[in-house]
PDB file of N, CA and C in Angstrom:
ATOM      1  N   MET A   1      -2.189  10.101  -4.594  1.00  0.00           N
ATOM      2  CA  MET A   1      -0.870  10.147  -4.024  1.00  0.00           C
ATOM      3  C   MET A   1      -0.193   8.792  -4.182  1.00  0.00           C
ATOM      4  N   SER A   2      -0.879   7.728  -3.838  1.00  0.00           N
ATOM      5  CA  SER A   2      -0.302   6.390  -3.971  1.00  0.00           C
ATOM      6  C   SER A   2      -0.171   6.011  -5.438  1.00  0.00           C
ATOM      7  N   VAL A   3      -1.102   6.500  -6.257  1.00  0.00           N
ATOM      8  CA  VAL A   3      -1.046   6.200  -7.692  1.00  0.00           C
ATOM      9  C   VAL A   3       0.214   6.808  -8.294  1.00  0.00           C
ATOM     10  N   LYS A   4       0.562   8.015  -7.857  1.00  0.00           N
ATOM     11  CA  LYS A   4       1.770   8.659  -8.372  1.00  0.00           C
ATOM     12  C   LYS A   4       3.016   7.859  -8.015  1.00  0.00           C
ATOM     13  N   GLU A   5       3.059   7.320  -6.800  1.00  0.00           N
ATOM     14  CA  GLU A   5       4.198   6.496  -6.384  1.00  0.00           C
ATOM     15  C   GLU A   5       4.307   5.246  -7.253  1.00  0.00           C
ATOM     16  N   ILE A   6       3.177   4.614  -7.518  1.00  0.00           N
ATOM     17  CA  ILE A   6       3.173   3.396  -8.335  1.00  0.00           C
ATOM     18  C   ILE A   6       3.622   3.714  -9.757  1.00  0.00           C
ATOM     19  N   ILE A   7       3.129   4.818 -10.322  1.00  0.00           N
ATOM     20  CA  ILE A   7       3.510   5.206 -11.684  1.00  0.00           C
ATOM     21  C   ILE A   7       5.000   5.517 -11.754  1.00  0.00           C
ATOM     22  N   GLN A   8       5.514   6.261 -10.784  1.00  0.00           N
ATOM     23  CA  GLN A   8       6.942   6.593 -10.781  1.00  0.00           C
ATOM     24  C   GLN A   8       7.801   5.338 -10.659  1.00  0.00           C
ATOM     25  N   THR A   9       7.375   4.406  -9.829  1.00  0.00           N
ATOM     26  CA  THR A   9       8.131   3.168  -9.640  1.00  0.00           C
ATOM     27  C   THR A   9       8.169   2.350 -10.926  1.00  0.00           C
ATOM     28  N   THR A  10       7.035   2.228 -11.608  1.00  0.00           N
ATOM     29  CA  THR A  10       7.002   1.429 -12.837  1.00  0.00           C
ATOM     30  C   THR A  10       7.773   2.105 -13.966  1.00  0.00           C
ATOM     31  N   GLU A  11       7.688   3.426 -14.067  1.00  0.00           N
ATOM     32  CA  GLU A  11       8.426   4.116 -15.126  1.00  0.00           C
ATOM     33  C   GLU A  11       9.930   4.073 -14.865  1.00  0.00           C
ATOM     34  N   ARG A  12      10.329   4.062 -13.602  1.00  0.00           N
ATOM     35  CA  ARG A  12      11.747   3.988 -13.249  1.00  0.00           C
ATOM     36  C   ARG A  12      12.357   2.646 -13.673  1.00  0.00           C
ATOM     37  N   THR A  13      11.535   1.588 -13.679  1.00  0.00           N
ATOM     38  CA  THR A  13      12.042   0.261 -14.051  1.00  0.00           C
ATOM     39  C   THR A  13      11.936  -0.006 -15.553  1.00  0.00           C
ATOM     40  N   GLY A  14      11.397   0.939 -16.314  1.00  0.00           N
ATOM     41  CA  GLY A  14      11.380   0.805 -17.765  1.00  0.00           C
ATOM     42  C   GLY A  14      10.075   0.324 -18.362  1.00  0.00           C
ATOM     43  N   ALA A  15       9.028   0.202 -17.582  1.00  0.00           N
ATOM     44  CA  ALA A  15       7.734  -0.243 -18.116  1.00  0.00           C
ATOM     45  C   ALA A  15       6.891   0.979 -18.490  1.00  0.00           C
ATOM     46  N   ARG A  16       5.957   0.779 -19.408  1.00  0.00           N
ATOM     47  CA  ARG A  16       5.042   1.851 -19.794  1.00  0.00           C
ATOM     48  C   ARG A  16       3.757   1.710 -18.999  1.00  0.00           C
ATOM     49  N   VAL A  17       3.164   2.852 -18.633  1.00  0.00           N
ATOM     50  CA  VAL A  17       1.958   2.848 -17.808  1.00  0.00           C
ATOM     51  C   VAL A  17       0.841   3.569 -18.546  1.00  0.00           C
ATOM     52  N   SER A  18      -0.344   2.963 -18.569  1.00  0.00           N
ATOM     53  CA  SER A  18      -1.553   3.604 -19.089  1.00  0.00           C
ATOM     54  C   SER A  18      -2.481   3.850 -17.916  1.00  0.00           C
ATOM     55  N   GLY A  19      -2.972   5.047 -17.791  1.00  0.00           N
ATOM     56  CA  GLY A  19      -3.897   5.337 -16.692  1.00  0.00           C
ATOM     57  C   GLY A  19      -3.357   6.442 -15.826  1.00  0.00           C
ATOM     58  N   PRO A  20      -3.913   6.678 -14.707  1.00  0.00           N
ATOM     59  CA  PRO A  20      -4.939   5.918 -13.996  1.00  0.00           C
ATOM     60  C   PRO A  20      -6.343   6.190 -14.540  1.00  0.00           C
ATOM     61  N   VAL A  21      -7.133   5.141 -14.602  1.00  0.00           N
ATOM     62  CA  VAL A  21      -8.531   5.235 -15.020  1.00  0.00           C
ATOM     63  C   VAL A  21      -9.385   5.126 -13.764  1.00  0.00           C
ATOM     64  N   PRO A  22     -10.161   6.168 -13.433  1.00  0.00           N
ATOM     65  CA  PRO A  22     -11.003   6.075 -12.233  1.00  0.00           C
ATOM     66  C   PRO A  22     -12.183   5.136 -12.469  1.00  0.00           C
ATOM     67  N   LEU A  23     -12.329   4.158 -11.599  1.00  0.00           N
ATOM     68  CA  LEU A  23     -13.454   3.223 -11.657  1.00  0.00           C
ATOM     69  C   LEU A  23     -14.564   3.744 -10.747  1.00  0.00           C
ATOM     70  N   PRO A  24     -15.779   3.237 -10.872  1.00  0.00           N
ATOM     71  CA  PRO A  24     -16.879   3.732 -10.035  1.00  0.00           C
ATOM     72  C   PRO A  24     -16.590   3.570  -8.542  1.00  0.00           C
ATOM     73  N   THR A  25     -17.001   4.567  -7.781  1.00  0.00           N
ATOM     74  CA  THR A  25     -16.826   4.543  -6.331  1.00  0.00           C
ATOM     75  C   THR A  25     -17.918   3.689  -5.714  1.00  0.00           C
ATOM     76  N   ARG A  26     -17.509   2.724  -4.877  1.00  0.00           N
ATOM     77  CA  ARG A  26     -18.480   1.876  -4.186  1.00  0.00           C
ATOM     78  C   ARG A  26     -18.821   2.540  -2.861  1.00  0.00           C
ATOM     79  N   ILE A  27     -20.111   2.742  -2.604  1.00  0.00           N
ATOM     80  CA  ILE A  27     -20.559   3.418  -1.390  1.00  0.00           C
ATOM     81  C   ILE A  27     -21.419   2.462  -0.573  1.00  0.00           C
ATOM     82  N   ASN A  28     -20.998   2.194   0.664  1.00  0.00           N
ATOM     83  CA  ASN A  28     -21.795   1.400   1.599  1.00  0.00           C
ATOM     84  C   ASN A  28     -22.388   2.353   2.621  1.00  0.00           C
ATOM     85  N   ARG A  29     -23.716   2.381   2.712  1.00  0.00           N
ATOM     86  CA  ARG A  29     -24.384   3.267   3.661  1.00  0.00           C
ATOM     87  C   ARG A  29     -25.020   2.447   4.774  1.00  0.00           C
ATOM     88  N   TYR A  30     -24.869   2.949   5.992  1.00  0.00           N
ATOM     89  CA  TYR A  30     -25.429   2.297   7.172  1.00  0.00           C
ATOM     90  C   TYR A  30     -26.269   3.312   7.926  1.00  0.00           C
ATOM     91  N   THR A  31     -27.479   2.923   8.301  1.00  0.00           N
ATOM     92  CA  THR A  31     -28.371   3.771   9.083  1.00  0.00           C
ATOM     93  C   THR A  31     -28.622   3.089  10.414  1.00  0.00           C
ATOM     94  N   VAL A  32     -28.403   3.831  11.492  1.00  0.00           N
ATOM     95  CA  VAL A  32     -28.604   3.291  12.839  1.00  0.00           C
ATOM     96  C   VAL A  32     -29.496   4.238  13.630  1.00  0.00           C
ATOM     97  N   LEU A  33     -30.201   3.664  14.607  1.00  0.00           N
ATOM     98  CA  LEU A  33     -31.027   4.478  15.491  1.00  0.00           C
ATOM     99  C   LEU A  33     -30.129   5.213  16.475  1.00  0.00           C
ATOM    100  N   ARG A  34     -30.448   6.474  16.735  1.00  0.00           N
ATOM    101  CA  ARG A  34     -29.653   7.240  17.699  1.00  0.00           C
ATOM    102  C   ARG A  34     -29.975   6.826  19.128  1.00  0.00           C
ATOM    103  N   SER A  35     -31.227   6.484  19.376  1.00  0.00           N
ATOM    104  CA  SER A  35     -31.659   6.129  20.721  1.00  0.00           C
ATOM    105  C   SER A  35     -32.005   4.644  20.760  1.00  0.00           C
ATOM    106  N   PRO A  36     -31.639   3.939  21.816  1.00  0.00           N
ATOM    107  CA  PRO A  36     -31.938   2.508  21.867  1.00  0.00           C
ATOM    108  C   PRO A  36     -33.403   2.186  22.177  1.00  0.00           C
ATOM    109  N   HIS A  37     -34.190   3.150  22.695  1.00  0.00           N
ATOM    110  CA  HIS A  37     -35.542   2.839  23.154  1.00  0.00           C
ATOM    111  C   HIS A  37     -36.640   3.505  22.331  1.00  0.00           C
ATOM    112  N   ILE A  38     -36.614   4.826  22.227  1.00  0.00           N
ATOM    113  CA  ILE A  38     -37.697   5.533  21.536  1.00  0.00           C
ATOM    114  C   ILE A  38     -37.111   6.403  20.433  1.00  0.00           C
ATOM    115  N   ASP A  39     -37.944   7.204  19.836  1.00  0.00           N
ATOM    116  CA  ASP A  39     -37.548   8.128  18.764  1.00  0.00           C
ATOM    117  C   ASP A  39     -37.064   7.378  17.522  1.00  0.00           C
ATOM    118  N   LYS A  40     -37.966   6.604  16.951  1.00  0.00           N
ATOM    119  CA  LYS A  40     -37.644   5.846  15.742  1.00  0.00           C
ATOM    120  C   LYS A  40     -37.279   6.781  14.576  1.00  0.00           C
ATOM    121  N   LYS A  41     -37.801   8.009  14.603  1.00  0.00           N
ATOM    122  CA  LYS A  41     -37.535   8.940  13.508  1.00  0.00           C
ATOM    123  C   LYS A  41     -36.132   9.544  13.577  1.00  0.00           C
ATOM    124  N   SER A  42     -35.498   9.456  14.717  1.00  0.00           N
ATOM    125  CA  SER A  42     -34.164  10.026  14.880  1.00  0.00           C
ATOM    126  C   SER A  42     -33.122   8.963  14.531  1.00  0.00           C
ATOM    127  N   ARG A  43     -32.483   9.140  13.395  1.00  0.00           N
ATOM    128  CA  ARG A  43     -31.502   8.162  12.922  1.00  0.00           C
ATOM    129  C   ARG A  43     -30.221   8.864  12.508  1.00  0.00           C
ATOM    130  N   GLU A  44     -29.149   8.097  12.496  1.00  0.00           N
ATOM    131  CA  GLU A  44     -27.857   8.621  12.082  1.00  0.00           C
ATOM    132  C   GLU A  44     -27.354   7.772  10.926  1.00  0.00           C
ATOM    133  N   GLN A  45     -26.740   8.425   9.948  1.00  0.00           N
ATOM    134  CA  GLN A  45     -26.277   7.703   8.768  1.00  0.00           C
ATOM    135  C   GLN A  45     -24.762   7.808   8.639  1.00  0.00           C
ATOM    136  N   PHE A  46     -24.153   6.680   8.284  1.00  0.00           N
ATOM    137  CA  PHE A  46     -22.716   6.613   8.051  1.00  0.00           C
ATOM    138  C   PHE A  46     -22.496   6.009   6.678  1.00  0.00           C
ATOM    139  N   GLU A  47     -21.367   6.337   6.069  1.00  0.00           N
ATOM    140  CA  GLU A  47     -21.047   5.720   4.788  1.00  0.00           C
ATOM    141  C   GLU A  47     -19.547   5.482   4.679  1.00  0.00           C
ATOM    142  N   ILE A  48     -19.220   4.431   3.956  1.00  0.00           N
ATOM    143  CA  ILE A  48     -17.834   4.092   3.653  1.00  0.00           C
ATOM    144  C   ILE A  48     -17.698   4.157   2.137  1.00  0.00           C
ATOM    145  N   ARG A  49     -16.732   4.934   1.668  1.00  0.00           N
ATOM    146  CA  ARG A  49     -16.499   5.065   0.232  1.00  0.00           C
ATOM    147  C   ARG A  49     -15.203   4.355  -0.142  1.00  0.00           C
ATOM    148  N   VAL A  50     -15.272   3.546  -1.200  1.00  0.00           N
ATOM    149  CA  VAL A  50     -14.098   2.835  -1.698  1.00  0.00           C
ATOM    150  C   VAL A  50     -13.824   3.347  -3.109  1.00  0.00           C
ATOM    151  N   HIS A  51     -12.674   3.998  -3.275  1.00  0.00           N
ATOM    152  CA  HIS A  51     -12.270   4.534  -4.572  1.00  0.00           C
ATOM    153  C   HIS A  51     -11.272   3.570  -5.200  1.00  0.00           C
ATOM    154  N   LYS A  52     -11.454   3.281  -6.477  1.00  0.00           N
ATOM    155  CA  LYS A  52     -10.558   2.365  -7.183  1.00  0.00           C
ATOM    156  C   LYS A  52     -10.007   3.050  -8.424  1.00  0.00           C
ATOM    157  N   ARG A  53      -8.772   2.698  -8.765  1.00  0.00           N
ATOM    158  CA  ARG A  53      -8.120   3.189  -9.966  1.00  0.00           C
ATOM    159  C   ARG A  53      -7.538   2.000 -10.714  1.00  0.00           C
ATOM    160  N   LEU A  54      -7.536   2.090 -12.026  1.00  0.00           N
ATOM    161  CA  LEU A  54      -6.988   1.033 -12.871  1.00  0.00           C
ATOM    162  C   LEU A  54      -5.732   1.559 -13.551  1.00  0.00           C
ATOM    163  N   LEU A  55      -4.629   0.856 -13.357  1.00  0.00           N
ATOM    164  CA  LEU A  55      -3.371   1.156 -14.039  1.00  0.00           C
ATOM    165  C   LEU A  55      -3.014  -0.042 -14.896  1.00  0.00           C
ATOM    166  N   GLU A  56      -2.728   0.208 -16.153  1.00  0.00           N
ATOM    167  CA  GLU A  56      -2.331  -0.876 -17.039  1.00  0.00           C
ATOM    168  C   GLU A  56      -0.849  -0.717 -17.344  1.00  0.00           C
ATOM    169  N   ILE A  57      -0.075  -1.737 -17.014  1.00  0.00           N
ATOM    170  CA  ILE A  57       1.373  -1.689 -17.196  1.00  0.00           C
ATOM    171  C   ILE A  57       1.728  -2.554 -18.394  1.00  0.00           C
ATOM    172  N   ASP A  58       2.303  -1.919 -19.422  1.00  0.00           N
ATOM    173  CA  ASP A  58       2.702  -2.633 -20.636  1.00  0.00           C
ATOM    174  C   ASP A  58       4.165  -3.032 -20.526  1.00  0.00           C
ATOM    175  N   MET A  59       4.467  -4.222 -20.955  1.00  0.00           N
ATOM    176  CA  MET A  59       5.825  -4.778 -20.967  1.00  0.00           C
ATOM    177  C   MET A  59       6.508  -4.686 -19.598  1.00  0.00           C
ATOM    178  N   PRO A  60       5.915  -5.303 -18.563  1.00  0.00           N
ATOM    179  CA  PRO A  60       6.573  -5.263 -17.253  1.00  0.00           C
ATOM    180  C   PRO A  60       7.797  -6.175 -17.226  1.00  0.00           C
ATOM    181  N   THR A  61       8.822  -5.712 -16.581  1.00  0.00           N
ATOM    182  CA  THR A  61      10.039  -6.505 -16.409  1.00  0.00           C
ATOM    183  C   THR A  61       9.983  -7.164 -15.036  1.00  0.00           C
ATOM    184  N   PRO A  62      10.821  -8.156 -14.780  1.00  0.00           N
ATOM    185  CA  PRO A  62      10.862  -8.734 -13.431  1.00  0.00           C
ATOM    186  C   PRO A  62      11.208  -7.693 -12.365  1.00  0.00           C
ATOM    187  N   GLU A  63      12.014  -6.689 -12.748  1.00  0.00           N
ATOM    188  CA  GLU A  63      12.336  -5.602 -11.815  1.00  0.00           C
ATOM    189  C   GLU A  63      11.084  -4.820 -11.438  1.00  0.00           C
ATOM    190  N   THR A  64      10.193  -4.619 -12.411  1.00  0.00           N
ATOM    191  CA  THR A  64       8.955  -3.874 -12.160  1.00  0.00           C
ATOM    192  C   THR A  64       8.099  -4.594 -11.134  1.00  0.00           C
ATOM    193  N   ILE A  65       7.939  -5.886 -11.299  1.00  0.00           N
ATOM    194  CA  ILE A  65       7.102  -6.662 -10.382  1.00  0.00           C
ATOM    195  C   ILE A  65       7.711  -6.677  -8.986  1.00  0.00           C
ATOM    196  N   ASP A  66       9.037  -6.846  -8.898  1.00  0.00           N
ATOM    197  CA  ASP A  66       9.701  -6.823  -7.588  1.00  0.00           C
ATOM    198  C   ASP A  66       9.551  -5.464  -6.917  1.00  0.00           C
ATOM    199  N   ALA A  67       9.699  -4.388  -7.698  1.00  0.00           N
ATOM    200  CA  ALA A  67       9.585  -3.043  -7.131  1.00  0.00           C
ATOM    201  C   ALA A  67       8.172  -2.782  -6.621  1.00  0.00           C
ATOM    202  N   LEU A  68       7.161  -3.270  -7.341  1.00  0.00           N
ATOM    203  CA  LEU A  68       5.776  -3.075  -6.897  1.00  0.00           C
ATOM    204  C   LEU A  68       5.474  -3.882  -5.642  1.00  0.00           C
ATOM    205  N   MET A  69       6.056  -5.063  -5.527  1.00  0.00           N
ATOM    206  CA  MET A  69       5.824  -5.880  -4.335  1.00  0.00           C
ATOM    207  C   MET A  69       6.481  -5.267  -3.100  1.00  0.00           C
ATOM    208  N   LYS A  70       7.611  -4.592  -3.279  1.00  0.00           N
ATOM    209  CA  LYS A  70       8.349  -4.012  -2.157  1.00  0.00           C
ATOM    210  C   LYS A  70       7.901  -2.591  -1.816  1.00  0.00           C
ATOM    211  N   LEU A  71       7.009  -2.021  -2.611  1.00  0.00           N
ATOM    212  CA  LEU A  71       6.578  -0.635  -2.420  1.00  0.00           C
ATOM    213  C   LEU A  71       5.802  -0.482  -1.117  1.00  0.00           C
ATOM    214  N   GLN A  72       6.192   0.485  -0.297  1.00  0.00           N
ATOM    215  CA  GLN A  72       5.515   0.760   0.973  1.00  0.00           C
ATOM    216  C   GLN A  72       4.396   1.769   0.722  1.00  0.00           C
ATOM    217  N   LEU A  73       3.158   1.331   0.888  1.00  0.00           N
ATOM    218  CA  LEU A  73       1.999   2.195   0.672  1.00  0.00           C
ATOM    219  C   LEU A  73       1.263   2.405   1.989  1.00  0.00           C
ATOM    220  N   PRO A  74       0.503   3.496   2.103  1.00  0.00           N
ATOM    221  CA  PRO A  74      -0.227   3.760   3.346  1.00  0.00           C
ATOM    222  C   PRO A  74      -1.269   2.682   3.643  1.00  0.00           C
ATOM    223  N   ALA A  75      -1.695   2.641   4.889  1.00  0.00           N
ATOM    224  CA  ALA A  75      -2.735   1.690   5.297  1.00  0.00           C
ATOM    225  C   ALA A  75      -4.014   1.989   4.529  1.00  0.00           C
ATOM    226  N   GLY A  76      -4.687   0.942   4.089  1.00  0.00           N
ATOM    227  CA  GLY A  76      -5.930   1.111   3.349  1.00  0.00           C
ATOM    228  C   GLY A  76      -5.741   1.127   1.845  1.00  0.00           C
ATOM    229  N   VAL A  77      -4.501   1.145   1.376  1.00  0.00           N
ATOM    230  CA  VAL A  77      -4.221   1.117  -0.057  1.00  0.00           C
ATOM    231  C   VAL A  77      -3.744  -0.286  -0.407  1.00  0.00           C
ATOM    232  N   ASP A  78      -4.473  -0.949  -1.283  1.00  0.00           N
ATOM    233  CA  ASP A  78      -4.132  -2.306  -1.701  1.00  0.00           C
ATOM    234  C   ASP A  78      -3.772  -2.306  -3.179  1.00  0.00           C
ATOM    235  N   VAL A  79      -2.801  -3.128  -3.539  1.00  0.00           N
ATOM    236  CA  VAL A  79      -2.398  -3.285  -4.933  1.00  0.00           C
ATOM    237  C   VAL A  79      -2.683  -4.719  -5.332  1.00  0.00           C
ATOM    238  N   GLU A  80      -3.418  -4.879  -6.419  1.00  0.00           N
ATOM    239  CA  GLU A  80      -3.736  -6.207  -6.935  1.00  0.00           C
ATOM    240  C   GLU A  80      -3.080  -6.332  -8.300  1.00  0.00           C
ATOM    241  N   ILE A  81      -2.271  -7.363  -8.480  1.00  0.00           N
ATOM    242  CA  ILE A  81      -1.549  -7.563  -9.735  1.00  0.00           C
ATOM    243  C   ILE A  81      -2.137  -8.769 -10.449  1.00  0.00           C
ATOM    244  N   LYS A  82      -2.603  -8.541 -11.687  1.00  0.00           N
ATOM    245  CA  LYS A  82      -3.120  -9.623 -12.530  1.00  0.00           C
ATOM    246  C   LYS A  82      -2.243  -9.705 -13.764  1.00  0.00           C
ATOM    247  N   MET A  83      -1.943 -10.919 -14.158  1.00  0.00           N
ATOM    248  CA  MET A  83      -1.093 -11.096 -15.343  1.00  0.00           C
ATOM    249  C   MET A  83      -1.871 -11.773 -16.432  1.00  0.00           C
TER     250      MET A  83
END
């Protein structure tokens, strides 16, 4: 959903977009004991998944960079710009 917004914004400013290329999902798993005293065999598992996408923008204009900086994205979505 956020990727579509970014692609539409860059195409509106005249830049070409390659992607999105899905990168490997990073999974952090945490195991905790359910009981603080006994029952070592009873455990609960949690995981956090981080999904990443790669967008390559060809021939970005100053308007493109300004539009990407001003883009309002949901919480948890980060945009990293490398030149």
